[in-house]
Amino acid sequence: IYLRFLEYQMEHSNECKKNFVAVYDGSSAIENLKAKFCSTVANDVMLDTGVGVVRMWADENSRLSRFRMLFTSFVD
């Protein structure tokens, strides 16, 4: 699965413990964390499994944070 962020805006960026988008490959277990974005840029991500989990965390002061994503699935 290929993930591309079409839009990404993180209020209070660089406060990485409070505001971030996390991408997991396979399940949401911490060992499957593939990428974590908390700055002003979110890069494309390629997942190896057929399951991806995307979580956004934002504190109360960052309610206007948002992202829009496009995914593409590849089959052998």
C-alpha atoms as a PDB file:
ATOM      1  CA  ILE A   1       0.000   0.000   0.000  1.00  0.00           C
ATOM      2  CA  TYR A   2       1.348   3.402  -1.002  1.00  0.00           C
ATOM      3  CA  LEU A   3       0.173   6.425   1.007  1.00  0.00           C
ATOM      4  CA  ARG A   4       0.443   9.996  -0.241  1.00  0.00           C
ATOM      5  CA  PHE A   5      -0.559  13.001   1.850  1.00  0.00           C
ATOM      6  CA  LEU A   6      -2.503  15.374  -0.397  1.00  0.00           C
ATOM      7  CA  GLU A   7      -3.027  17.840   2.416  1.00  0.00           C
ATOM      8  CA  TYR A   8      -1.317  18.023   5.795  1.00  0.00           C
ATOM      9  CA  GLN A   9      -1.606  20.765   8.385  1.00  0.00           C
ATOM     10  CA  MET A  10      -0.462  20.255  11.952  1.00  0.00           C
ATOM     11  CA  GLU A  11      -1.190  23.053  14.382  1.00  0.00           C
ATOM     12  CA  HIS A  12       1.492  23.514  17.013  1.00  0.00           C
ATOM     13  CA  SER A  13       3.869  21.469  14.910  1.00  0.00           C
ATOM     14  CA  ASN A  14       7.000  20.086  16.556  1.00  0.00           C
ATOM     15  CA  GLU A  15       5.118  19.356  19.775  1.00  0.00           C
ATOM     16  CA  CYS A  16       5.549  15.705  18.929  1.00  0.00           C
ATOM     17  CA  LYS A  17       4.192  14.219  22.156  1.00  0.00           C
ATOM     18  CA  LYS A  18       0.859  16.024  21.743  1.00  0.00           C
ATOM     19  CA  ASN A  19       0.280  16.453  18.002  1.00  0.00           C
ATOM     20  CA  PHE A  20       1.223  13.923  15.350  1.00  0.00           C
ATOM     21  CA  VAL A  21       0.093  11.527  12.651  1.00  0.00           C
ATOM     22  CA  ALA A  22       1.347   7.951  13.019  1.00  0.00           C
ATOM     23  CA  VAL A  23       1.349   5.331  10.251  1.00  0.00           C
ATOM     24  CA  TYR A  24       1.542   1.650  11.184  1.00  0.00           C
ATOM     25  CA  ASP A  25       2.265  -1.294   8.889  1.00  0.00           C
ATOM     26  CA  GLY A  26       0.186  -4.384   9.723  1.00  0.00           C
ATOM     27  CA  SER A  27      -1.371  -3.365  13.034  1.00  0.00           C
ATOM     28  CA  SER A  28      -1.323  -0.493  15.489  1.00  0.00           C
ATOM     29  CA  ALA A  29       1.264  -2.206  17.714  1.00  0.00           C
ATOM     30  CA  ILE A  30       4.191   0.075  18.525  1.00  0.00           C
ATOM     31  CA  GLU A  31       6.647  -2.293  16.851  1.00  0.00           C
ATOM     32  CA  ASN A  32       4.760  -1.780  13.570  1.00  0.00           C
ATOM     33  CA  LEU A  33       5.197   2.013  13.582  1.00  0.00           C
ATOM     34  CA  LYS A  34       6.370   2.879  10.068  1.00  0.00           C
ATOM     35  CA  ALA A  35       6.349   6.691  10.197  1.00  0.00           C
ATOM     36  CA  LYS A  36       5.445   9.518  12.552  1.00  0.00           C
ATOM     37  CA  PHE A  37       4.891  13.087  11.401  1.00  0.00           C
ATOM     38  CA  CYS A  38       4.699  16.087  13.712  1.00  0.00           C
ATOM     39  CA  SER A  39       6.356  18.882  11.787  1.00  0.00           C
ATOM     40  CA  THR A  40       5.040  20.856   8.826  1.00  0.00           C
ATOM     41  CA  VAL A  41       5.695  18.119   6.229  1.00  0.00           C
ATOM     42  CA  ALA A  42       4.406  14.547   5.848  1.00  0.00           C
ATOM     43  CA  ASN A  43       6.242  12.348   3.345  1.00  0.00           C
ATOM     44  CA  ASP A  44       4.834   9.506   1.268  1.00  0.00           C
ATOM     45  CA  VAL A  45       4.882   6.074   2.923  1.00  0.00           C
ATOM     46  CA  MET A  46       5.094   2.599   1.383  1.00  0.00           C
ATOM     47  CA  LEU A  47       3.652  -0.212   3.503  1.00  0.00           C
ATOM     48  CA  ASP A  48       4.802  -3.818   3.125  1.00  0.00           C
ATOM     49  CA  THR A  49       1.687  -5.585   4.397  1.00  0.00           C
ATOM     50  CA  GLY A  50      -1.892  -5.410   3.148  1.00  0.00           C
ATOM     51  CA  VAL A  51      -3.056  -3.587   6.285  1.00  0.00           C
ATOM     52  CA  GLY A  52      -2.303  -0.015   7.272  1.00  0.00           C
ATOM     53  CA  VAL A  53      -3.386   1.983  10.301  1.00  0.00           C
ATOM     54  CA  VAL A  54      -3.271   5.787  10.332  1.00  0.00           C
ATOM     55  CA  ARG A  55      -3.838   7.628  13.605  1.00  0.00           C
ATOM     56  CA  MET A  56      -3.934  11.329  14.249  1.00  0.00           C
ATOM     57  CA  TRP A  57      -3.355  12.675  17.734  1.00  0.00           C
ATOM     58  CA  ALA A  58      -4.052  16.326  18.501  1.00  0.00           C
ATOM     59  CA  ASP A  59      -4.405  18.100  21.804  1.00  0.00           C
ATOM     60  CA  GLU A  60      -7.254  20.438  22.646  1.00  0.00           C
ATOM     61  CA  ASN A  61      -5.413  23.476  21.252  1.00  0.00           C
ATOM     62  CA  SER A  62      -4.840  21.831  17.875  1.00  0.00           C
ATOM     63  CA  ARG A  63      -8.376  21.108  16.750  1.00  0.00           C
ATOM     64  CA  LEU A  64      -7.793  22.597  13.306  1.00  0.00           C
ATOM     65  CA  SER A  65      -5.067  20.068  12.473  1.00  0.00           C
ATOM     66  CA  ARG A  66      -6.017  17.927   9.489  1.00  0.00           C
ATOM     67  CA  PHE A  67      -4.793  15.736   6.693  1.00  0.00           C
ATOM     68  CA  ARG A  68      -6.127  14.260   3.472  1.00  0.00           C
ATOM     69  CA  MET A  69      -4.562  11.150   2.035  1.00  0.00           C
ATOM     70  CA  LEU A  70      -4.635   9.073  -1.141  1.00  0.00           C
ATOM     71  CA  PHE A  71      -3.766   5.393  -1.019  1.00  0.00           C
ATOM     72  CA  THR A  72      -2.883   3.001  -3.802  1.00  0.00           C
ATOM     73  CA  SER A  73      -2.833  -0.766  -3.402  1.00  0.00           C
ATOM     74  CA  PHE A  74      -0.513  -2.894  -5.503  1.00  0.00           C
ATOM     75  CA  VAL A  75      -1.184  -6.564  -6.293  1.00  0.00           C
ATOM     76  CA  ASP A  76       1.359  -9.046  -7.648  1.00  0.00           C
END
